[in-house]
Amino acid sequence: ESPVTNEVNSLMKERFTQIQTENRLLLSKMSHIMRSKGAIDNKNESVRYAHSLNKDRRKRELQKITNENQQILKRIQESQPTYDHLRWAEEARTNECLVANICEFKTRGGPNEGNYQEDYYERDGAAAVVFDGRDDFYR
């Protein structure tokens, strides 16, 4: 065989040996991960990062805040509402009647009619009022 062929075979054997070594190392690492919790090993074990002097105090403070928040939430959920929406609706109707009584320009229908709806908008420089889809102009 030629020296070139021997050299190519030698390089292929070296590469094959290197691949087998890397595969063995990879298999070892995978085996370690499978035997452990399966988590990534990214913890810093150095003494510098081993512990914090305030860790326990911060933990207690967080627990205290969490307990206070839970107590506040419980009080809010158990409290009865202080506003009566039915009374608000009745007061709104009363106020509409009062406003209708003191208006300078009386409107057709009025708040006591079932289909009372009034929208103000500007049209051609004049204030227009829409009552039930009809336009009336105040000039």
C-alpha atoms as a PDB file:
ATOM      1  CA  GLU A   1       0.000   0.000   0.000  1.00  0.00           C
ATOM      2  CA  SER A   2       1.077   3.538  -0.628  1.00  0.00           C
ATOM      3  CA  PRO A   3       2.260   5.889   2.099  1.00  0.00           C
ATOM      4  CA  VAL A   4      -0.652   8.234   1.348  1.00  0.00           C
ATOM      5  CA  THR A   5      -3.170   5.483   2.006  1.00  0.00           C
ATOM      6  CA  ASN A   6      -1.425   4.601   5.292  1.00  0.00           C
ATOM      7  CA  GLU A   7      -1.490   8.225   6.353  1.00  0.00           C
ATOM      8  CA  VAL A   8      -5.200   8.561   5.515  1.00  0.00           C
ATOM      9  CA  ASN A   9      -5.956   5.365   7.448  1.00  0.00           C
ATOM     10  CA  SER A  10      -3.943   6.641  10.391  1.00  0.00           C
ATOM     11  CA  LEU A  11      -5.843   9.962  10.407  1.00  0.00           C
ATOM     12  CA  MET A  12      -9.164   8.130  10.184  1.00  0.00           C
ATOM     13  CA  LYS A  13      -8.183   5.914  13.156  1.00  0.00           C
ATOM     14  CA  GLU A  14      -7.212   8.985  15.194  1.00  0.00           C
ATOM     15  CA  ARG A  15     -10.489  10.684  14.350  1.00  0.00           C
ATOM     16  CA  PHE A  16     -12.422   7.525  15.173  1.00  0.00           C
ATOM     17  CA  THR A  17     -10.618   7.246  18.538  1.00  0.00           C
ATOM     18  CA  GLN A  18     -11.366  10.919  19.282  1.00  0.00           C
ATOM     19  CA  ILE A  19     -15.055  10.430  18.447  1.00  0.00           C
ATOM     20  CA  GLN A  20     -15.238   7.362  20.691  1.00  0.00           C
ATOM     21  CA  THR A  21     -13.645   9.304  23.575  1.00  0.00           C
ATOM     22  CA  GLU A  22     -16.091  12.208  23.158  1.00  0.00           C
ATOM     23  CA  ASN A  23     -19.022   9.764  22.959  1.00  0.00           C
ATOM     24  CA  ARG A  24     -17.888   8.031  26.160  1.00  0.00           C
ATOM     25  CA  LEU A  25     -17.612  11.404  27.918  1.00  0.00           C
ATOM     26  CA  LEU A  26     -21.053  12.470  26.666  1.00  0.00           C
ATOM     27  CA  LEU A  27     -22.559   9.150  27.762  1.00  0.00           C
ATOM     28  CA  SER A  28     -21.000   9.576  31.200  1.00  0.00           C
ATOM     29  CA  LYS A  29     -22.492  13.062  31.554  1.00  0.00           C
ATOM     30  CA  MET A  30     -25.916  11.888  30.390  1.00  0.00           C
ATOM     31  CA  SER A  31     -25.782   8.984  32.820  1.00  0.00           C
ATOM     32  CA  HIS A  32     -24.955  11.368  35.668  1.00  0.00           C
ATOM     33  CA  ILE A  33     -27.912  13.597  34.736  1.00  0.00           C
ATOM     34  CA  MET A  34     -30.267  10.610  34.587  1.00  0.00           C
ATOM     35  CA  ARG A  35     -29.094   9.327  37.979  1.00  0.00           C
ATOM     36  CA  SER A  36     -29.409  12.744  39.603  1.00  0.00           C
ATOM     37  CA  LYS A  37     -32.568  14.862  39.695  1.00  0.00           C
ATOM     38  CA  GLY A  38     -32.369  15.507  35.996  1.00  0.00           C
ATOM     39  CA  ALA A  39     -31.770  19.201  36.585  1.00  0.00           C
ATOM     40  CA  ILE A  40     -28.967  21.178  35.034  1.00  0.00           C
ATOM     41  CA  ASP A  41     -25.926  21.524  37.237  1.00  0.00           C
ATOM     42  CA  ASN A  42     -25.558  25.283  37.285  1.00  0.00           C
ATOM     43  CA  LYS A  43     -25.053  25.952  40.984  1.00  0.00           C
ATOM     44  CA  ASN A  44     -22.051  27.879  42.166  1.00  0.00           C
ATOM     45  CA  GLU A  45     -20.460  25.962  45.017  1.00  0.00           C
ATOM     46  CA  SER A  46     -17.845  28.560  45.892  1.00  0.00           C
ATOM     47  CA  VAL A  47     -17.680  29.857  49.464  1.00  0.00           C
ATOM     48  CA  ARG A  48     -18.237  33.390  48.231  1.00  0.00           C
ATOM     49  CA  TYR A  49     -21.782  32.571  47.135  1.00  0.00           C
ATOM     50  CA  ALA A  50     -22.524  29.924  49.748  1.00  0.00           C
ATOM     51  CA  HIS A  51     -24.944  31.941  51.862  1.00  0.00           C
ATOM     52  CA  SER A  52     -26.270  35.389  52.508  1.00  0.00           C
ATOM     53  CA  LEU A  53     -26.271  36.915  55.958  1.00  0.00           C
ATOM     54  CA  ASN A  54     -29.716  38.433  55.410  1.00  0.00           C
ATOM     55  CA  LYS A  55     -31.315  35.412  53.765  1.00  0.00           C
ATOM     56  CA  ASP A  56     -33.261  34.272  56.831  1.00  0.00           C
ATOM     57  CA  ARG A  57     -34.393  37.807  57.687  1.00  0.00           C
ATOM     58  CA  ARG A  58     -35.579  38.435  54.119  1.00  0.00           C
ATOM     59  CA  LYS A  59     -37.401  35.109  54.134  1.00  0.00           C
ATOM     60  CA  ARG A  60     -39.180  35.962  57.397  1.00  0.00           C
ATOM     61  CA  GLU A  61     -40.084  39.415  56.059  1.00  0.00           C
ATOM     62  CA  LEU A  62     -41.525  37.921  52.885  1.00  0.00           C
ATOM     63  CA  GLN A  63     -43.531  35.396  54.913  1.00  0.00           C
ATOM     64  CA  LYS A  64     -44.866  38.187  57.140  1.00  0.00           C
ATOM     65  CA  ILE A  65     -45.920  40.276  54.121  1.00  0.00           C
ATOM     66  CA  THR A  66     -47.565  37.255  52.504  1.00  0.00           C
ATOM     67  CA  ASN A  67     -49.553  36.499  55.662  1.00  0.00           C
ATOM     68  CA  GLU A  68     -50.662  40.128  55.968  1.00  0.00           C
ATOM     69  CA  ASN A  69     -51.771  40.174  52.327  1.00  0.00           C
ATOM     70  CA  GLN A  70     -53.764  36.974  52.823  1.00  0.00           C
ATOM     71  CA  GLN A  71     -55.488  38.445  55.880  1.00  0.00           C
ATOM     72  CA  ILE A  72     -56.364  41.631  53.981  1.00  0.00           C
ATOM     73  CA  LEU A  73     -57.731  39.595  51.067  1.00  0.00           C
ATOM     74  CA  LYS A  74     -59.830  37.496  53.445  1.00  0.00           C
ATOM     75  CA  ARG A  75     -61.280  40.636  55.087  1.00  0.00           C
ATOM     76  CA  ILE A  76     -62.097  42.142  51.689  1.00  0.00           C
ATOM     77  CA  GLN A  77     -63.801  38.978  50.479  1.00  0.00           C
ATOM     78  CA  GLU A  78     -65.853  38.606  53.666  1.00  0.00           C
ATOM     79  CA  SER A  79     -66.970  42.248  53.870  1.00  0.00           C
ATOM     80  CA  GLN A  80     -70.431  43.265  52.729  1.00  0.00           C
ATOM     81  CA  PRO A  81     -70.753  45.921  50.006  1.00  0.00           C
ATOM     82  CA  THR A  82     -71.596  49.399  51.268  1.00  0.00           C
ATOM     83  CA  TYR A  83     -73.074  50.732  48.015  1.00  0.00           C
ATOM     84  CA  ASP A  84     -76.552  49.817  46.831  1.00  0.00           C
ATOM     85  CA  HIS A  85     -76.728  49.830  43.024  1.00  0.00           C
ATOM     86  CA  LEU A  86     -80.531  49.779  43.080  1.00  0.00           C
ATOM     87  CA  ARG A  87     -80.555  52.948  45.176  1.00  0.00           C
ATOM     88  CA  TRP A  88     -78.062  54.510  42.740  1.00  0.00           C
ATOM     89  CA  ALA A  89     -80.350  53.750  39.797  1.00  0.00           C
ATOM     90  CA  GLU A  90     -83.337  55.275  41.630  1.00  0.00           C
ATOM     91  CA  GLU A  91     -81.313  58.395  42.495  1.00  0.00           C
ATOM     92  CA  ALA A  92     -80.235  58.698  38.844  1.00  0.00           C
ATOM     93  CA  ARG A  93     -83.866  58.624  37.707  1.00  0.00           C
ATOM     94  CA  THR A  94     -84.762  61.235  40.331  1.00  0.00           C
ATOM     95  CA  ASN A  95     -81.882  63.444  39.183  1.00  0.00           C
ATOM     96  CA  GLU A  96     -82.970  63.138  35.546  1.00  0.00           C
ATOM     97  CA  CYS A  97     -86.449  64.292  36.511  1.00  0.00           C
ATOM     98  CA  LEU A  98     -85.023  67.232  38.455  1.00  0.00           C
ATOM     99  CA  VAL A  99     -82.816  68.234  35.532  1.00  0.00           C
ATOM    100  CA  ALA A 100     -85.736  67.954  33.122  1.00  0.00           C
ATOM    101  CA  ASN A 101     -87.781  70.248  35.414  1.00  0.00           C
ATOM    102  CA  ILE A 102     -85.152  72.975  35.606  1.00  0.00           C
ATOM    103  CA  CYS A 103     -84.027  72.861  31.936  1.00  0.00           C
ATOM    104  CA  GLU A 104     -84.441  76.085  29.970  1.00  0.00           C
ATOM    105  CA  PHE A 105     -85.323  74.182  26.804  1.00  0.00           C
ATOM    106  CA  LYS A 106     -87.797  71.416  27.416  1.00  0.00           C
ATOM    107  CA  THR A 107     -87.170  68.225  25.486  1.00  0.00           C
ATOM    108  CA  ARG A 108     -89.731  66.101  23.712  1.00  0.00           C
ATOM    109  CA  GLY A 109     -90.529  62.957  25.609  1.00  0.00           C
ATOM    110  CA  GLY A 110     -88.494  63.419  28.733  1.00  0.00           C
ATOM    111  CA  PRO A 111     -86.824  61.128  31.207  1.00  0.00           C
ATOM    112  CA  ASN A 112     -90.092  59.454  32.186  1.00  0.00           C
ATOM    113  CA  GLU A 113     -90.734  58.252  28.636  1.00  0.00           C
ATOM    114  CA  GLY A 114     -89.390  54.789  27.875  1.00  0.00           C
ATOM    115  CA  ASN A 115     -87.397  55.735  24.769  1.00  0.00           C
ATOM    116  CA  TYR A 116     -85.781  58.968  25.980  1.00  0.00           C
ATOM    117  CA  GLN A 117     -82.345  59.341  24.472  1.00  0.00           C
ATOM    118  CA  GLU A 118     -80.494  62.576  23.897  1.00  0.00           C
ATOM    119  CA  ASP A 119     -77.116  63.083  22.236  1.00  0.00           C
ATOM    120  CA  TYR A 120     -75.478  66.449  21.600  1.00  0.00           C
ATOM    121  CA  TYR A 121     -73.136  67.052  18.685  1.00  0.00           C
ATOM    122  CA  GLU A 122     -71.925  69.900  16.467  1.00  0.00           C
ATOM    123  CA  ARG A 123     -73.333  70.020  12.907  1.00  0.00           C
ATOM    124  CA  ASP A 124     -72.758  72.773  10.356  1.00  0.00           C
ATOM    125  CA  GLY A 125     -71.730  75.170  13.115  1.00  0.00           C
ATOM    126  CA  ALA A 126     -75.027  74.777  14.983  1.00  0.00           C
ATOM    127  CA  ALA A 127     -75.694  72.702  18.066  1.00  0.00           C
ATOM    128  CA  ALA A 128     -77.900  69.790  17.111  1.00  0.00           C
ATOM    129  CA  VAL A 129     -79.854  67.553  19.424  1.00  0.00           C
ATOM    130  CA  VAL A 130     -80.970  64.083  18.397  1.00  0.00           C
ATOM    131  CA  PHE A 131     -84.205  62.755  19.898  1.00  0.00           C
ATOM    132  CA  ASP A 132     -84.995  59.207  18.931  1.00  0.00           C
ATOM    133  CA  GLY A 133     -83.184  59.643  15.623  1.00  0.00           C
ATOM    134  CA  ARG A 134     -84.806  62.990  14.589  1.00  0.00           C
ATOM    135  CA  ASP A 135     -82.708  66.163  14.259  1.00  0.00           C
ATOM    136  CA  ASP A 136     -83.823  69.436  15.846  1.00  0.00           C
ATOM    137  CA  PHE A 137     -81.659  72.523  15.502  1.00  0.00           C
ATOM    138  CA  TYR A 138     -81.289  75.360  17.993  1.00  0.00           C
ATOM    139  CA  ARG A 139     -80.264  78.509  16.111  1.00  0.00           C
END
